[in-house]
């Protein structure tokens, strides 16, 4: 048994859910772009580990959940800009 299988970062799910929602509106994105954006965004968010997701959902206040959502939105905005800029072909 590996303890790593039972420990998760709450931001990972929130970021991937928010990214999927945003990208549903985009037409031309590939999985590599999405993975890069998710990694960049997660690197700019604090870790928030849990063992059971229900515990996190239960213990987060509405204010704290809103703050986390706002941080995710900003991190995704910045990550999308960064990845798009880094993927441009040199002039």
PDB file of N, CA and C in Angstrom:
ATOM      1  N   UNK A   1       0.839  -1.182   0.000  1.00  0.00           N
ATOM      2  CA  UNK A   1       0.000   0.000   0.000  1.00  0.00           C
ATOM      3  C   UNK A   1       0.883   1.244   0.000  1.00  0.00           C
ATOM      4  N   UNK A   2       0.521   2.183  -0.834  1.00  0.00           N
ATOM      5  CA  UNK A   2       1.254   3.439  -0.914  1.00  0.00           C
ATOM      6  C   UNK A   2       0.397   4.563  -0.338  1.00  0.00           C
ATOM      7  N   UNK A   3       0.984   5.311   0.597  1.00  0.00           N
ATOM      8  CA  UNK A   3       0.196   6.399   1.179  1.00  0.00           C
ATOM      9  C   UNK A   3      -0.074   7.492   0.159  1.00  0.00           C
ATOM     10  N   UNK A   4       0.756   7.587  -0.868  1.00  0.00           N
ATOM     11  CA  UNK A   4       0.573   8.600  -1.893  1.00  0.00           C
ATOM     12  C   UNK A   4      -0.740   8.482  -2.650  1.00  0.00           C
ATOM     13  N   UNK A   5      -1.303   7.289  -2.679  1.00  0.00           N
ATOM     14  CA  UNK A   5      -2.573   7.079  -3.367  1.00  0.00           C
ATOM     15  C   UNK A   5      -3.739   7.714  -2.616  1.00  0.00           C
ATOM     16  N   UNK A   6      -3.552   7.995  -1.344  1.00  0.00           N
ATOM     17  CA  UNK A   6      -4.640   8.506  -0.513  1.00  0.00           C
ATOM     18  C   UNK A   6      -4.506   9.973  -0.148  1.00  0.00           C
ATOM     19  N   UNK A   7      -3.513  10.636  -0.696  1.00  0.00           N
ATOM     20  CA  UNK A   7      -3.285  12.050  -0.395  1.00  0.00           C
ATOM     21  C   UNK A   7      -3.420  12.834  -1.700  1.00  0.00           C
ATOM     22  N   UNK A   8      -4.218  13.899  -1.661  1.00  0.00           N
ATOM     23  CA  UNK A   8      -4.491  14.664  -2.870  1.00  0.00           C
ATOM     24  C   UNK A   8      -4.433  16.162  -2.588  1.00  0.00           C
ATOM     25  N   UNK A   9      -4.179  16.929  -3.624  1.00  0.00           N
ATOM     26  CA  UNK A   9      -4.178  18.385  -3.531  1.00  0.00           C
ATOM     27  C   UNK A   9      -5.536  18.873  -4.046  1.00  0.00           C
ATOM     28  N   UNK A  10      -6.297  19.523  -3.189  1.00  0.00           N
ATOM     29  CA  UNK A  10      -7.639  19.977  -3.541  1.00  0.00           C
ATOM     30  C   UNK A  10      -7.627  20.906  -4.745  1.00  0.00           C
ATOM     31  N   UNK A  11      -6.586  21.698  -4.880  1.00  0.00           N
ATOM     32  CA  UNK A  11      -6.502  22.622  -6.014  1.00  0.00           C
ATOM     33  C   UNK A  11      -6.431  21.886  -7.348  1.00  0.00           C
ATOM     34  N   UNK A  12      -5.889  20.671  -7.379  1.00  0.00           N
ATOM     35  CA  UNK A  12      -5.780  19.942  -8.640  1.00  0.00           C
ATOM     36  C   UNK A  12      -7.149  19.738  -9.273  1.00  0.00           C
ATOM     37  N   UNK A  13      -8.089  19.264  -8.500  1.00  0.00           N
ATOM     38  CA  UNK A  13      -9.434  19.025  -9.029  1.00  0.00           C
ATOM     39  C   UNK A  13     -10.101  20.343  -9.404  1.00  0.00           C
ATOM     40  N   UNK A  14      -9.962  21.347  -8.558  1.00  0.00           N
ATOM     41  CA  UNK A  14     -10.588  22.633  -8.849  1.00  0.00           C
ATOM     42  C   UNK A  14     -10.004  23.255 -10.119  1.00  0.00           C
ATOM     43  N   UNK A  15      -8.694  23.156 -10.294  1.00  0.00           N
ATOM     44  CA  UNK A  15      -8.052  23.720 -11.485  1.00  0.00           C
ATOM     45  C   UNK A  15      -8.492  22.956 -12.732  1.00  0.00           C
ATOM     46  N   UNK A  16      -8.479  21.635 -12.684  1.00  0.00           N
ATOM     47  CA  UNK A  16      -8.866  20.876 -13.875  1.00  0.00           C
ATOM     48  C   UNK A  16     -10.338  21.096 -14.212  1.00  0.00           C
ATOM     49  N   UNK A  17     -11.196  21.215 -13.211  1.00  0.00           N
ATOM     50  CA  UNK A  17     -12.619  21.503 -13.468  1.00  0.00           C
ATOM     51  C   UNK A  17     -12.787  22.889 -14.090  1.00  0.00           C
ATOM     52  N   UNK A  18     -12.122  23.887 -13.529  1.00  0.00           N
ATOM     53  CA  UNK A  18     -12.228  25.252 -14.054  1.00  0.00           C
ATOM     54  C   UNK A  18     -11.643  25.334 -15.457  1.00  0.00           C
ATOM     55  N   UNK A  19     -10.551  24.645 -15.690  1.00  0.00           N
ATOM     56  CA  UNK A  19      -9.925  24.651 -17.013  1.00  0.00           C
ATOM     57  C   UNK A  19     -10.839  23.970 -18.032  1.00  0.00           C
ATOM     58  N   UNK A  20     -11.435  22.865 -17.669  1.00  0.00           N
ATOM     59  CA  UNK A  20     -12.353  22.169 -18.579  1.00  0.00           C
ATOM     60  C   UNK A  20     -13.541  23.065 -18.929  1.00  0.00           C
ATOM     61  N   UNK A  21     -14.023  23.804 -17.958  1.00  0.00           N
ATOM     62  CA  UNK A  21     -15.143  24.715 -18.198  1.00  0.00           C
ATOM     63  C   UNK A  21     -14.738  25.836 -19.166  1.00  0.00           C
ATOM     64  N   UNK A  22     -13.562  26.378 -18.970  1.00  0.00           N
ATOM     65  CA  UNK A  22     -13.075  27.446 -19.858  1.00  0.00           C
ATOM     66  C   UNK A  22     -12.816  26.938 -21.261  1.00  0.00           C
ATOM     67  N   UNK A  23     -12.184  25.789 -21.350  1.00  0.00           N
ATOM     68  CA  UNK A  23     -11.752  25.259 -22.639  1.00  0.00           C
ATOM     69  C   UNK A  23     -12.940  24.761 -23.449  1.00  0.00           C
ATOM     70  N   UNK A  24     -14.051  24.459 -22.793  1.00  0.00           N
ATOM     71  CA  UNK A  24     -15.249  24.051 -23.522  1.00  0.00           C
ATOM     72  C   UNK A  24     -15.662  25.138 -24.506  1.00  0.00           C
ATOM     73  N   UNK A  25     -15.270  26.377 -24.221  1.00  0.00           N
ATOM     74  CA  UNK A  25     -15.598  27.512 -25.090  1.00  0.00           C
ATOM     75  C   UNK A  25     -14.563  27.698 -26.201  1.00  0.00           C
ATOM     76  N   UNK A  26     -13.386  27.103 -26.032  1.00  0.00           N
ATOM     77  CA  UNK A  26     -12.312  27.225 -27.016  1.00  0.00           C
ATOM     78  C   UNK A  26     -12.476  26.141 -28.083  1.00  0.00           C
ATOM     79  N   UNK A  27     -11.930  26.391 -29.240  1.00  0.00           N
ATOM     80  CA  UNK A  27     -12.059  25.420 -30.317  1.00  0.00           C
ATOM     81  C   UNK A  27     -10.781  24.630 -30.564  1.00  0.00           C
ATOM     82  N   UNK A  28      -9.655  25.309 -30.532  1.00  0.00           N
ATOM     83  CA  UNK A  28      -8.425  24.677 -30.986  1.00  0.00           C
ATOM     84  C   UNK A  28      -7.405  24.554 -29.851  1.00  0.00           C
ATOM     85  N   UNK A  29      -7.618  23.592 -28.977  1.00  0.00           N
ATOM     86  CA  UNK A  29      -6.658  23.343 -27.906  1.00  0.00           C
ATOM     87  C   UNK A  29      -6.363  21.846 -27.863  1.00  0.00           C
ATOM     88  N   UNK A  30      -5.123  21.523 -27.553  1.00  0.00           N
ATOM     89  CA  UNK A  30      -4.756  20.114 -27.453  1.00  0.00           C
ATOM     90  C   UNK A  30      -4.433  19.766 -26.006  1.00  0.00           C
ATOM     91  N   UNK A  31      -4.282  18.482 -25.748  1.00  0.00           N
ATOM     92  CA  UNK A  31      -4.048  18.026 -24.375  1.00  0.00           C
ATOM     93  C   UNK A  31      -2.717  18.537 -23.827  1.00  0.00           C
ATOM     94  N   UNK A  32      -1.708  18.690 -24.676  1.00  0.00           N
ATOM     95  CA  UNK A  32      -0.413  19.202 -24.213  1.00  0.00           C
ATOM     96  C   UNK A  32      -0.561  20.639 -23.699  1.00  0.00           C
ATOM     97  N   UNK A  33      -1.314  21.459 -24.423  1.00  0.00           N
ATOM     98  CA  UNK A  33      -1.561  22.831 -23.997  1.00  0.00           C
ATOM     99  C   UNK A  33      -2.283  22.839 -22.639  1.00  0.00           C
ATOM    100  N   UNK A  34      -3.314  22.020 -22.523  1.00  0.00           N
ATOM    101  CA  UNK A  34      -4.088  21.967 -21.273  1.00  0.00           C
ATOM    102  C   UNK A  34      -3.230  21.519 -20.098  1.00  0.00           C
ATOM    103  N   UNK A  35      -2.413  20.514 -20.322  1.00  0.00           N
ATOM    104  CA  UNK A  35      -1.539  20.017 -19.259  1.00  0.00           C
ATOM    105  C   UNK A  35      -0.531  21.082 -18.842  1.00  0.00           C
ATOM    106  N   UNK A  36       0.036  21.791 -19.819  1.00  0.00           N
ATOM    107  CA  UNK A  36       0.982  22.868 -19.502  1.00  0.00           C
ATOM    108  C   UNK A  36       0.302  23.966 -18.694  1.00  0.00           C
ATOM    109  N   UNK A  37      -0.889  24.361 -19.112  1.00  0.00           N
ATOM    110  CA  UNK A  37      -1.625  25.405 -18.393  1.00  0.00           C
ATOM    111  C   UNK A  37      -1.930  24.957 -16.971  1.00  0.00           C
ATOM    112  N   UNK A  38      -2.392  23.729 -16.809  1.00  0.00           N
ATOM    113  CA  UNK A  38      -2.714  23.226 -15.468  1.00  0.00           C
ATOM    114  C   UNK A  38      -1.474  23.221 -14.581  1.00  0.00           C
ATOM    115  N   UNK A  39      -0.343  22.769 -15.104  1.00  0.00           N
ATOM    116  CA  UNK A  39       0.890  22.733 -14.311  1.00  0.00           C
ATOM    117  C   UNK A  39       1.343  24.134 -13.910  1.00  0.00           C
ATOM    118  N   UNK A  40       1.324  25.067 -14.860  1.00  0.00           N
ATOM    119  CA  UNK A  40       1.745  26.434 -14.551  1.00  0.00           C
ATOM    120  C   UNK A  40       0.814  27.040 -13.501  1.00  0.00           C
ATOM    121  N   UNK A  41      -0.487  26.859 -13.675  1.00  0.00           N
ATOM    122  CA  UNK A  41      -1.447  27.413 -12.717  1.00  0.00           C
ATOM    123  C   UNK A  41      -1.242  26.803 -11.330  1.00  0.00           C
ATOM    124  N   UNK A  42      -1.097  25.486 -11.261  1.00  0.00           N
ATOM    125  CA  UNK A  42      -0.920  24.823  -9.961  1.00  0.00           C
ATOM    126  C   UNK A  42       0.369  25.251  -9.276  1.00  0.00           C
ATOM    127  N   UNK A  43       1.399  25.550 -10.048  1.00  0.00           N
ATOM    128  CA  UNK A  43       2.655  26.014  -9.455  1.00  0.00           C
ATOM    129  C   UNK A  43       2.537  27.399  -8.839  1.00  0.00           C
ATOM    130  N   UNK A  44       1.460  28.110  -9.162  1.00  0.00           N
ATOM    131  CA  UNK A  44       1.245  29.437  -8.601  1.00  0.00           C
ATOM    132  C   UNK A  44       0.151  29.459  -7.532  1.00  0.00           C
ATOM    133  N   UNK A  45      -0.279  28.284  -7.126  1.00  0.00           N
ATOM    134  CA  UNK A  45      -1.289  28.176  -6.073  1.00  0.00           C
ATOM    135  C   UNK A  45      -0.694  27.430  -4.882  1.00  0.00           C
ATOM    136  N   UNK A  46      -1.162  27.747  -3.683  1.00  0.00           N
ATOM    137  CA  UNK A  46      -0.653  27.026  -2.520  1.00  0.00           C
ATOM    138  C   UNK A  46      -1.217  25.603  -2.494  1.00  0.00           C
ATOM    139  N   UNK A  47      -0.457  24.646  -2.014  1.00  0.00           N
ATOM    140  CA  UNK A  47      -1.012  23.290  -1.908  1.00  0.00           C
ATOM    141  C   UNK A  47      -2.083  23.234  -0.823  1.00  0.00           C
ATOM    142  N   UNK A  48      -3.060  22.414  -1.027  1.00  0.00           N
ATOM    143  CA  UNK A  48      -4.134  22.228  -0.042  1.00  0.00           C
ATOM    144  C   UNK A  48      -4.470  20.741  -0.037  1.00  0.00           C
ATOM    145  N   UNK A  49      -3.777  20.000   0.809  1.00  0.00           N
ATOM    146  CA  UNK A  49      -3.889  18.547   0.791  1.00  0.00           C
ATOM    147  C   UNK A  49      -5.032  18.029   1.650  1.00  0.00           C
ATOM    148  N   UNK A  50      -5.573  16.894   1.217  1.00  0.00           N
ATOM    149  CA  UNK A  50      -6.642  16.224   1.957  1.00  0.00           C
ATOM    150  C   UNK A  50      -6.537  14.719   1.732  1.00  0.00           C
ATOM    151  N   UNK A  51      -7.176  13.988   2.602  1.00  0.00           N
ATOM    152  CA  UNK A  51      -7.271  12.537   2.428  1.00  0.00           C
ATOM    153  C   UNK A  51      -8.622  12.161   1.851  1.00  0.00           C
ATOM    154  N   UNK A  52      -9.669  12.824   2.296  1.00  0.00           N
ATOM    155  CA  UNK A  52     -11.023  12.527   1.838  1.00  0.00           C
ATOM    156  C   UNK A  52     -11.654  13.820   1.329  1.00  0.00           C
ATOM    157  N   UNK A  53     -12.029  13.830   0.064  1.00  0.00           N
ATOM    158  CA  UNK A  53     -12.550  15.056  -0.551  1.00  0.00           C
ATOM    159  C   UNK A  53     -13.755  15.609   0.200  1.00  0.00           C
ATOM    160  N   UNK A  54     -14.559  14.754   0.724  1.00  0.00           N
ATOM    161  CA  UNK A  54     -15.739  15.212   1.460  1.00  0.00           C
ATOM    162  C   UNK A  54     -15.331  16.075   2.651  1.00  0.00           C
ATOM    163  N   UNK A  55     -14.184  15.770   3.262  1.00  0.00           N
ATOM    164  CA  UNK A  55     -13.708  16.579   4.389  1.00  0.00           C
ATOM    165  C   UNK A  55     -13.419  18.011   3.939  1.00  0.00           C
ATOM    166  N   UNK A  56     -12.782  18.165   2.794  1.00  0.00           N
ATOM    167  CA  UNK A  56     -12.461  19.510   2.307  1.00  0.00           C
ATOM    168  C   UNK A  56     -13.737  20.274   1.982  1.00  0.00           C
ATOM    169  N   UNK A  57     -14.642  19.642   1.283  1.00  0.00           N
ATOM    170  CA  UNK A  57     -15.881  20.316   0.901  1.00  0.00           C
ATOM    171  C   UNK A  57     -16.686  20.713   2.139  1.00  0.00           C
ATOM    172  N   UNK A  58     -16.666  19.870   3.155  1.00  0.00           N
ATOM    173  CA  UNK A  58     -17.444  20.131   4.363  1.00  0.00           C
ATOM    174  C   UNK A  58     -16.833  21.255   5.197  1.00  0.00           C
ATOM    175  N   UNK A  59     -15.527  21.292   5.281  1.00  0.00           N
ATOM    176  CA  UNK A  59     -14.863  22.251   6.167  1.00  0.00           C
ATOM    177  C   UNK A  59     -14.570  23.612   5.537  1.00  0.00           C
ATOM    178  N   UNK A  60     -14.722  23.742   4.220  1.00  0.00           N
ATOM    179  CA  UNK A  60     -14.486  25.035   3.582  1.00  0.00           C
ATOM    180  C   UNK A  60     -15.704  25.940   3.782  1.00  0.00           C
ATOM    181  N   UNK A  61     -15.448  27.147   4.233  1.00  0.00           N
ATOM    182  CA  UNK A  61     -16.537  28.114   4.347  1.00  0.00           C
ATOM    183  C   UNK A  61     -16.845  28.649   2.947  1.00  0.00           C
ATOM    184  N   UNK A  62     -18.025  29.208   2.730  1.00  0.00           N
ATOM    185  CA  UNK A  62     -18.323  29.801   1.428  1.00  0.00           C
ATOM    186  C   UNK A  62     -17.317  30.893   1.041  1.00  0.00           C
ATOM    187  N   UNK A  63     -16.872  31.662   2.019  1.00  0.00           N
ATOM    188  CA  UNK A  63     -15.887  32.712   1.753  1.00  0.00           C
ATOM    189  C   UNK A  63     -14.564  32.108   1.299  1.00  0.00           C
ATOM    190  N   UNK A  64     -14.125  31.067   1.989  1.00  0.00           N
ATOM    191  CA  UNK A  64     -12.866  30.417   1.633  1.00  0.00           C
ATOM    192  C   UNK A  64     -12.960  29.776   0.245  1.00  0.00           C
ATOM    193  N   UNK A  65     -14.085  29.165  -0.063  1.00  0.00           N
ATOM    194  CA  UNK A  65     -14.275  28.554  -1.379  1.00  0.00           C
ATOM    195  C   UNK A  65     -14.230  29.628  -2.466  1.00  0.00           C
ATOM    196  N   UNK A  66     -14.848  30.771  -2.219  1.00  0.00           N
ATOM    197  CA  UNK A  66     -14.833  31.885  -3.176  1.00  0.00           C
ATOM    198  C   UNK A  66     -13.414  32.406  -3.373  1.00  0.00           C
ATOM    199  N   UNK A  67     -12.668  32.550  -2.282  1.00  0.00           N
ATOM    200  CA  UNK A  67     -11.278  33.001  -2.377  1.00  0.00           C
ATOM    201  C   UNK A  67     -10.440  32.023  -3.202  1.00  0.00           C
ATOM    202  N   UNK A  68     -10.647  30.738  -2.989  1.00  0.00           N
ATOM    203  CA  UNK A  68      -9.913  29.731  -3.750  1.00  0.00           C
ATOM    204  C   UNK A  68     -10.291  29.813  -5.235  1.00  0.00           C
ATOM    205  N   UNK A  69     -11.565  29.980  -5.516  1.00  0.00           N
ATOM    206  CA  UNK A  69     -12.017  30.095  -6.906  1.00  0.00           C
ATOM    207  C   UNK A  69     -11.421  31.319  -7.583  1.00  0.00           C
ATOM    208  N   UNK A  70     -11.355  32.420  -6.853  1.00  0.00           N
ATOM    209  CA  UNK A  70     -10.754  33.640  -7.405  1.00  0.00           C
ATOM    210  C   UNK A  70      -9.269  33.439  -7.698  1.00  0.00           C
ATOM    211  N   UNK A  71      -8.560  32.782  -6.776  1.00  0.00           N
ATOM    212  CA  UNK A  71      -7.135  32.503  -6.990  1.00  0.00           C
ATOM    213  C   UNK A  71      -6.936  31.616  -8.216  1.00  0.00           C
ATOM    214  N   UNK A  72      -7.810  30.635  -8.377  1.00  0.00           N
ATOM    215  CA  UNK A  72      -7.722  29.727  -9.519  1.00  0.00           C
ATOM    216  C   UNK A  72      -7.961  30.478 -10.816  1.00  0.00           C
ATOM    217  N   UNK A  73      -8.955  31.336 -10.824  1.00  0.00           N
ATOM    218  CA  UNK A  73      -9.260  32.108 -12.025  1.00  0.00           C
ATOM    219  C   UNK A  73      -8.063  32.954 -12.451  1.00  0.00           C
ATOM    220  N   UNK A  74      -7.446  33.626 -11.508  1.00  0.00           N
ATOM    221  CA  UNK A  74      -6.264  34.452 -11.811  1.00  0.00           C
ATOM    222  C   UNK A  74      -5.101  33.581 -12.268  1.00  0.00           C
ATOM    223  N   UNK A  75      -4.875  32.470 -11.563  1.00  0.00           N
ATOM    224  CA  UNK A  75      -3.773  31.577 -11.930  1.00  0.00           C
ATOM    225  C   UNK A  75      -3.971  31.026 -13.336  1.00  0.00           C
ATOM    226  N   UNK A  76      -5.208  30.692 -13.700  1.00  0.00           N
ATOM    227  CA  UNK A  76      -5.473  30.188 -15.044  1.00  0.00           C
ATOM    228  C   UNK A  76      -5.301  31.280 -16.097  1.00  0.00           C
ATOM    229  N   UNK A  77      -5.773  32.484 -15.796  1.00  0.00           N
ATOM    230  CA  UNK A  77      -5.575  33.597 -16.733  1.00  0.00           C
ATOM    231  C   UNK A  77      -4.093  33.776 -17.033  1.00  0.00           C
ATOM    232  N   UNK A  78      -3.303  33.841 -15.972  1.00  0.00           N
ATOM    233  CA  UNK A  78      -1.862  34.049 -16.122  1.00  0.00           C
ATOM    234  C   UNK A  78      -1.199  32.868 -16.838  1.00  0.00           C
ATOM    235  N   UNK A  79      -1.612  31.653 -16.493  1.00  0.00           N
ATOM    236  CA  UNK A  79      -1.012  30.451 -17.087  1.00  0.00           C
ATOM    237  C   UNK A  79      -1.330  30.358 -18.576  1.00  0.00           C
ATOM    238  N   UNK A  80      -2.559  30.671 -18.949  1.00  0.00           N
ATOM    239  CA  UNK A  80      -2.936  30.620 -20.368  1.00  0.00           C
ATOM    240  C   UNK A  80      -2.104  31.617 -21.165  1.00  0.00           C
ATOM    241  N   UNK A  81      -1.982  32.823 -20.652  1.00  0.00           N
ATOM    242  CA  UNK A  81      -1.156  33.833 -21.338  1.00  0.00           C
ATOM    243  C   UNK A  81       0.286  33.360 -21.458  1.00  0.00           C
ATOM    244  N   UNK A  82       0.826  32.823 -20.370  1.00  0.00           N
ATOM    245  CA  UNK A  82       2.214  32.378 -20.356  1.00  0.00           C
ATOM    246  C   UNK A  82       2.444  31.242 -21.360  1.00  0.00           C
ATOM    247  N   UNK A  83       1.578  30.251 -21.345  1.00  0.00           N
ATOM    248  CA  UNK A  83       1.763  29.101 -22.232  1.00  0.00           C
ATOM    249  C   UNK A  83       1.572  29.514 -23.690  1.00  0.00           C
ATOM    250  N   UNK A  84       0.583  30.350 -23.967  1.00  0.00           N
ATOM    251  CA  UNK A  84       0.395  30.815 -25.348  1.00  0.00           C
ATOM    252  C   UNK A  84       1.622  31.587 -25.820  1.00  0.00           C
ATOM    253  N   UNK A  85       2.153  32.434 -24.958  1.00  0.00           N
ATOM    254  CA  UNK A  85       3.344  33.220 -25.311  1.00  0.00           C
ATOM    255  C   UNK A  85       4.547  32.303 -25.547  1.00  0.00           C
ATOM    256  N   UNK A  86       4.720  31.313 -24.705  1.00  0.00           N
ATOM    257  CA  UNK A  86       5.884  30.420 -24.834  1.00  0.00           C
ATOM    258  C   UNK A  86       5.762  29.479 -26.021  1.00  0.00           C
ATOM    259  N   UNK A  87       4.565  29.255 -26.510  1.00  0.00           N
ATOM    260  CA  UNK A  87       4.360  28.337 -27.637  1.00  0.00           C
ATOM    261  C   UNK A  87       4.475  29.039 -28.990  1.00  0.00           C
ATOM    262  N   UNK A  88       4.513  30.364 -28.994  1.00  0.00           N
ATOM    263  CA  UNK A  88       4.629  31.093 -30.267  1.00  0.00           C
ATOM    264  C   UNK A  88       5.945  30.776 -30.948  1.00  0.00           C
ATOM    265  N   UNK A  89       5.849  30.695 -32.248  1.00  0.00           N
ATOM    266  CA  UNK A  89       7.071  30.447 -33.042  1.00  0.00           C
ATOM    267  C   UNK A  89       7.946  31.695 -32.989  1.00  0.00           C
ATOM    268  N   UNK A  90       9.267  31.501 -32.964  1.00  0.00           N
ATOM    269  CA  UNK A  90      10.169  32.658 -32.955  1.00  0.00           C
ATOM    270  C   UNK A  90      10.005  33.457 -34.249  1.00  0.00           C
ATOM    271  N   UNK A  91      10.207  34.773 -34.125  1.00  0.00           N
ATOM    272  CA  UNK A  91      10.090  35.656 -35.303  1.00  0.00           C
ATOM    273  C   UNK A  91      11.254  35.509 -36.221  1.00  0.00           C
TER     274      UNK A  91
END
